[in-house]
PDB file of N, CA and C in Angstrom:
ATOM      1  N   UNK A   1       0.655  -0.921   0.103  1.00  0.00           N
ATOM      2  CA  UNK A   1      -0.005  -0.284   0.691  1.00  0.00           C
ATOM      3  C   UNK A   1       0.730   0.877  -0.245  1.00  0.00           C
ATOM      4  N   UNK A   2       2.391   1.307   0.949  1.00  0.00           N
ATOM      5  CA  UNK A   2       2.952   2.567   0.515  1.00  0.00           C
ATOM      6  C   UNK A   2       3.542   3.012  -0.595  1.00  0.00           C
ATOM      7  N   UNK A   3       3.663   1.953  -1.465  1.00  0.00           N
ATOM      8  CA  UNK A   3       4.362   1.680  -2.492  1.00  0.00           C
ATOM      9  C   UNK A   3       3.669   2.311  -3.414  1.00  0.00           C
ATOM     10  N   UNK A   4       1.993   2.066  -3.477  1.00  0.00           N
ATOM     11  CA  UNK A   4       1.007   2.376  -4.414  1.00  0.00           C
ATOM     12  C   UNK A   4       0.626   3.600  -3.991  1.00  0.00           C
ATOM     13  N   UNK A   5       1.333   4.058  -2.941  1.00  0.00           N
ATOM     14  CA  UNK A   5       0.742   5.311  -2.253  1.00  0.00           C
ATOM     15  C   UNK A   5       1.757   5.910  -3.078  1.00  0.00           C
ATOM     16  N   UNK A   6       3.039   5.955  -3.197  1.00  0.00           N
ATOM     17  CA  UNK A   6       4.557   6.763  -3.087  1.00  0.00           C
ATOM     18  C   UNK A   6       4.789   6.422  -4.791  1.00  0.00           C
ATOM     19  N   UNK A   7       3.600   5.998  -5.665  1.00  0.00           N
ATOM     20  CA  UNK A   7       3.977   5.893  -7.008  1.00  0.00           C
ATOM     21  C   UNK A   7       2.343   6.822  -7.355  1.00  0.00           C
ATOM     22  N   UNK A   8       0.987   7.158  -7.084  1.00  0.00           N
ATOM     23  CA  UNK A   8      -0.063   7.401  -7.523  1.00  0.00           C
ATOM     24  C   UNK A   8       0.013   8.647  -7.811  1.00  0.00           C
ATOM     25  N   UNK A   9      -0.173   8.906  -8.724  1.00  0.00           N
ATOM     26  CA  UNK A   9      -0.513  10.210  -9.570  1.00  0.00           C
ATOM     27  C   UNK A   9      -1.573  11.379  -9.214  1.00  0.00           C
ATOM     28  N   UNK A  10      -2.878  10.706  -8.685  1.00  0.00           N
ATOM     29  CA  UNK A  10      -4.605  11.479  -8.645  1.00  0.00           C
ATOM     30  C   UNK A  10      -3.861  11.823  -7.560  1.00  0.00           C
ATOM     31  N   UNK A  11      -4.997  13.421  -7.263  1.00  0.00           N
ATOM     32  CA  UNK A  11      -4.873  13.080  -6.127  1.00  0.00           C
ATOM     33  C   UNK A  11      -5.578  12.819  -4.965  1.00  0.00           C
ATOM     34  N   UNK A  12      -6.958  12.618  -5.855  1.00  0.00           N
ATOM     35  CA  UNK A  12      -8.459  11.593  -5.084  1.00  0.00           C
ATOM     36  C   UNK A  12      -7.693  10.157  -4.801  1.00  0.00           C
ATOM     37  N   UNK A  13      -7.120   9.472  -5.553  1.00  0.00           N
ATOM     38  CA  UNK A  13      -6.409   8.117  -4.876  1.00  0.00           C
ATOM     39  C   UNK A  13      -5.567   8.328  -4.334  1.00  0.00           C
ATOM     40  N   UNK A  14      -5.059   9.301  -4.197  1.00  0.00           N
ATOM     41  CA  UNK A  14      -3.657   9.285  -2.494  1.00  0.00           C
ATOM     42  C   UNK A  14      -4.393   9.657  -1.193  1.00  0.00           C
ATOM     43  N   UNK A  15      -5.460  10.559  -2.171  1.00  0.00           N
ATOM     44  CA  UNK A  15      -5.701  10.982  -0.887  1.00  0.00           C
ATOM     45  C   UNK A  15      -6.533   9.692   0.195  1.00  0.00           C
ATOM     46  N   UNK A  16      -6.978   8.850  -0.634  1.00  0.00           N
ATOM     47  CA  UNK A  16      -7.657   7.812   0.280  1.00  0.00           C
ATOM     48  C   UNK A  16      -6.949   6.674  -0.100  1.00  0.00           C
ATOM     49  N   UNK A  17      -6.244   5.991  -0.235  1.00  0.00           N
ATOM     50  CA  UNK A  17      -4.861   5.502   0.383  1.00  0.00           C
ATOM     51  C   UNK A  17      -4.090   6.322   1.565  1.00  0.00           C
ATOM     52  N   UNK A  18      -3.536   7.551   0.975  1.00  0.00           N
ATOM     53  CA  UNK A  18      -3.511   8.013   2.849  1.00  0.00           C
ATOM     54  C   UNK A  18      -4.677   7.422   4.068  1.00  0.00           C
ATOM     55  N   UNK A  19      -6.229   7.967   3.498  1.00  0.00           N
ATOM     56  CA  UNK A  19      -6.778   7.128   4.932  1.00  0.00           C
ATOM     57  C   UNK A  19      -6.674   6.004   4.978  1.00  0.00           C
ATOM     58  N   UNK A  20      -7.579   5.224   4.317  1.00  0.00           N
ATOM     59  CA  UNK A  20      -6.909   4.315   4.699  1.00  0.00           C
ATOM     60  C   UNK A  20      -5.850   3.499   5.572  1.00  0.00           C
ATOM     61  N   UNK A  21      -4.324   4.120   5.287  1.00  0.00           N
ATOM     62  CA  UNK A  21      -3.422   3.882   6.146  1.00  0.00           C
ATOM     63  C   UNK A  21      -3.743   4.421   7.712  1.00  0.00           C
ATOM     64  N   UNK A  22      -4.012   5.878   7.323  1.00  0.00           N
ATOM     65  CA  UNK A  22      -4.291   6.565   8.452  1.00  0.00           C
ATOM     66  C   UNK A  22      -5.228   5.613   9.739  1.00  0.00           C
ATOM     67  N   UNK A  23      -5.891   5.356   8.726  1.00  0.00           N
ATOM     68  CA  UNK A  23      -6.913   4.302   9.807  1.00  0.00           C
ATOM     69  C   UNK A  23      -6.230   2.875  10.069  1.00  0.00           C
ATOM     70  N   UNK A  24      -5.083   2.299   9.198  1.00  0.00           N
ATOM     71  CA  UNK A  24      -4.406   1.356   9.752  1.00  0.00           C
ATOM     72  C   UNK A  24      -3.243   1.717  10.638  1.00  0.00           C
ATOM     73  N   UNK A  25      -3.002   2.564  11.485  1.00  0.00           N
ATOM     74  CA  UNK A  25      -2.505   3.208  11.684  1.00  0.00           C
ATOM     75  C   UNK A  25      -0.712   3.500  11.334  1.00  0.00           C
ATOM     76  N   UNK A  26      -0.556   3.223  10.330  1.00  0.00           N
ATOM     77  CA  UNK A  26       0.755   3.321   9.027  1.00  0.00           C
ATOM     78  C   UNK A  26       0.755   4.842   8.435  1.00  0.00           C
ATOM     79  N   UNK A  27       0.143   5.471   7.724  1.00  0.00           N
ATOM     80  CA  UNK A  27       0.075   6.485   7.216  1.00  0.00           C
ATOM     81  C   UNK A  27       1.462   8.039   7.575  1.00  0.00           C
ATOM     82  N   UNK A  28       1.986   8.371   6.800  1.00  0.00           N
ATOM     83  CA  UNK A  28       3.193   8.616   6.251  1.00  0.00           C
ATOM     84  C   UNK A  28       3.111  10.338   6.972  1.00  0.00           C
ATOM     85  N   UNK A  29       3.805  11.254   7.855  1.00  0.00           N
ATOM     86  CA  UNK A  29       2.896  12.131   8.265  1.00  0.00           C
ATOM     87  C   UNK A  29       2.566  12.991   7.101  1.00  0.00           C
ATOM     88  N   UNK A  30       1.787  13.925   7.516  1.00  0.00           N
ATOM     89  CA  UNK A  30       1.515  14.943   6.713  1.00  0.00           C
ATOM     90  C   UNK A  30       1.679  15.632   5.536  1.00  0.00           C
ATOM     91  N   UNK A  31       3.155  16.415   6.717  1.00  0.00           N
ATOM     92  CA  UNK A  31       3.892  17.108   5.818  1.00  0.00           C
ATOM     93  C   UNK A  31       5.227  16.151   4.245  1.00  0.00           C
ATOM     94  N   UNK A  32       4.756  14.758   4.597  1.00  0.00           N
ATOM     95  CA  UNK A  32       5.481  14.087   4.042  1.00  0.00           C
ATOM     96  C   UNK A  32       4.555  13.367   3.188  1.00  0.00           C
ATOM     97  N   UNK A  33       3.145  13.156   3.451  1.00  0.00           N
ATOM     98  CA  UNK A  33       1.802  12.736   2.359  1.00  0.00           C
ATOM     99  C   UNK A  33       1.883  13.606   1.254  1.00  0.00           C
ATOM    100  N   UNK A  34       1.952  14.837   1.686  1.00  0.00           N
ATOM    101  CA  UNK A  34       0.811  15.729   0.659  1.00  0.00           C
ATOM    102  C   UNK A  34       1.833  17.241   0.294  1.00  0.00           C
ATOM    103  N   UNK A  35       2.100  17.910  -1.068  1.00  0.00           N
ATOM    104  CA  UNK A  35       3.018  19.122  -0.933  1.00  0.00           C
ATOM    105  C   UNK A  35       1.726  19.616  -1.118  1.00  0.00           C
ATOM    106  N   UNK A  36       0.610  19.217  -1.522  1.00  0.00           N
ATOM    107  CA  UNK A  36      -0.243  21.092  -1.336  1.00  0.00           C
ATOM    108  C   UNK A  36      -0.816  21.249   0.032  1.00  0.00           C
ATOM    109  N   UNK A  37      -0.800  22.827   0.565  1.00  0.00           N
ATOM    110  CA  UNK A  37      -1.458  22.847   1.948  1.00  0.00           C
ATOM    111  C   UNK A  37      -2.790  23.099   2.030  1.00  0.00           C
ATOM    112  N   UNK A  38      -3.515  22.345   0.631  1.00  0.00           N
ATOM    113  CA  UNK A  38      -5.444  22.108   1.099  1.00  0.00           C
ATOM    114  C   UNK A  38      -5.225  20.430   1.504  1.00  0.00           C
ATOM    115  N   UNK A  39      -4.527  19.774   0.325  1.00  0.00           N
ATOM    116  CA  UNK A  39      -3.766  18.470   1.085  1.00  0.00           C
ATOM    117  C   UNK A  39      -4.260  18.074   2.288  1.00  0.00           C
ATOM    118  N   UNK A  40      -3.489  19.142   2.932  1.00  0.00           N
ATOM    119  CA  UNK A  40      -2.978  18.869   4.368  1.00  0.00           C
ATOM    120  C   UNK A  40      -3.732  19.256   4.411  1.00  0.00           C
ATOM    121  N   UNK A  41      -4.248  20.314   4.529  1.00  0.00           N
ATOM    122  CA  UNK A  41      -5.672  20.609   5.435  1.00  0.00           C
ATOM    123  C   UNK A  41      -7.030  19.427   5.425  1.00  0.00           C
ATOM    124  N   UNK A  42      -7.307  18.723   4.614  1.00  0.00           N
ATOM    125  CA  UNK A  42      -8.052  18.580   4.099  1.00  0.00           C
ATOM    126  C   UNK A  42      -7.905  16.588   4.723  1.00  0.00           C
ATOM    127  N   UNK A  43      -6.628  16.265   4.811  1.00  0.00           N
ATOM    128  CA  UNK A  43      -5.282  15.187   6.260  1.00  0.00           C
ATOM    129  C   UNK A  43      -6.419  15.265   7.317  1.00  0.00           C
ATOM    130  N   UNK A  44      -6.572  16.765   7.711  1.00  0.00           N
ATOM    131  CA  UNK A  44      -6.578  17.430   9.132  1.00  0.00           C
ATOM    132  C   UNK A  44      -7.623  17.033   9.427  1.00  0.00           C
ATOM    133  N   UNK A  45      -8.956  17.385   8.143  1.00  0.00           N
ATOM    134  CA  UNK A  45     -10.101  17.540   8.598  1.00  0.00           C
ATOM    135  C   UNK A  45     -10.947  16.670   8.398  1.00  0.00           C
ATOM    136  N   UNK A  46     -10.319  15.056   7.859  1.00  0.00           N
ATOM    137  CA  UNK A  46     -10.393  13.437   8.252  1.00  0.00           C
ATOM    138  C   UNK A  46      -9.759  13.186   9.979  1.00  0.00           C
ATOM    139  N   UNK A  47      -8.821  13.592   9.944  1.00  0.00           N
ATOM    140  CA  UNK A  47      -7.855  13.084  11.524  1.00  0.00           C
ATOM    141  C   UNK A  47      -8.436  13.476  12.115  1.00  0.00           C
ATOM    142  N   UNK A  48      -9.802  15.123  12.198  1.00  0.00           N
ATOM    143  CA  UNK A  48     -10.918  15.161  13.156  1.00  0.00           C
ATOM    144  C   UNK A  48     -12.021  14.347  13.267  1.00  0.00           C
ATOM    145  N   UNK A  49     -12.639  14.387  12.370  1.00  0.00           N
ATOM    146  CA  UNK A  49     -13.861  13.413  11.779  1.00  0.00           C
ATOM    147  C   UNK A  49     -13.796  12.179  12.027  1.00  0.00           C
ATOM    148  N   UNK A  50     -12.441  11.615  12.408  1.00  0.00           N
ATOM    149  CA  UNK A  50     -12.874   9.680  12.498  1.00  0.00           C
ATOM    150  C   UNK A  50     -12.042   9.736  14.171  1.00  0.00           C
ATOM    151  N   UNK A  51     -11.307  11.132  14.637  1.00  0.00           N
ATOM    152  CA  UNK A  51     -11.661  10.547  16.368  1.00  0.00           C
ATOM    153  C   UNK A  51     -13.082  10.181  17.218  1.00  0.00           C
ATOM    154  N   UNK A  52     -12.478   9.025  18.115  1.00  0.00           N
ATOM    155  CA  UNK A  52     -12.655   9.058  18.344  1.00  0.00           C
ATOM    156  C   UNK A  52     -13.935  10.498  19.579  1.00  0.00           C
ATOM    157  N   UNK A  53     -15.102  10.325  19.966  1.00  0.00           N
ATOM    158  CA  UNK A  53     -15.659  11.283  20.878  1.00  0.00           C
ATOM    159  C   UNK A  53     -15.637  10.352  22.497  1.00  0.00           C
ATOM    160  N   UNK A  54     -15.464  11.426  23.179  1.00  0.00           N
ATOM    161  CA  UNK A  54     -15.411  10.985  24.458  1.00  0.00           C
ATOM    162  C   UNK A  54     -16.449  11.585  25.310  1.00  0.00           C
ATOM    163  N   UNK A  55     -17.793  10.988  25.353  1.00  0.00           N
ATOM    164  CA  UNK A  55     -18.570  11.005  26.520  1.00  0.00           C
ATOM    165  C   UNK A  55     -18.603  12.413  27.566  1.00  0.00           C
TER     166      UNK A  55
END
């Protein structure tokens, strides 16, 4: 999956692969994974949305 992520050119595919890796706990850091600040912001939003909420 990491190799596929590194080779992917399509932004949507890269984000989907990163999101899956994030859910599995093996995603690269945002500054390494995404050159575009908008993509990093979207990834941060995704991370925030998927955080477990305490009651």
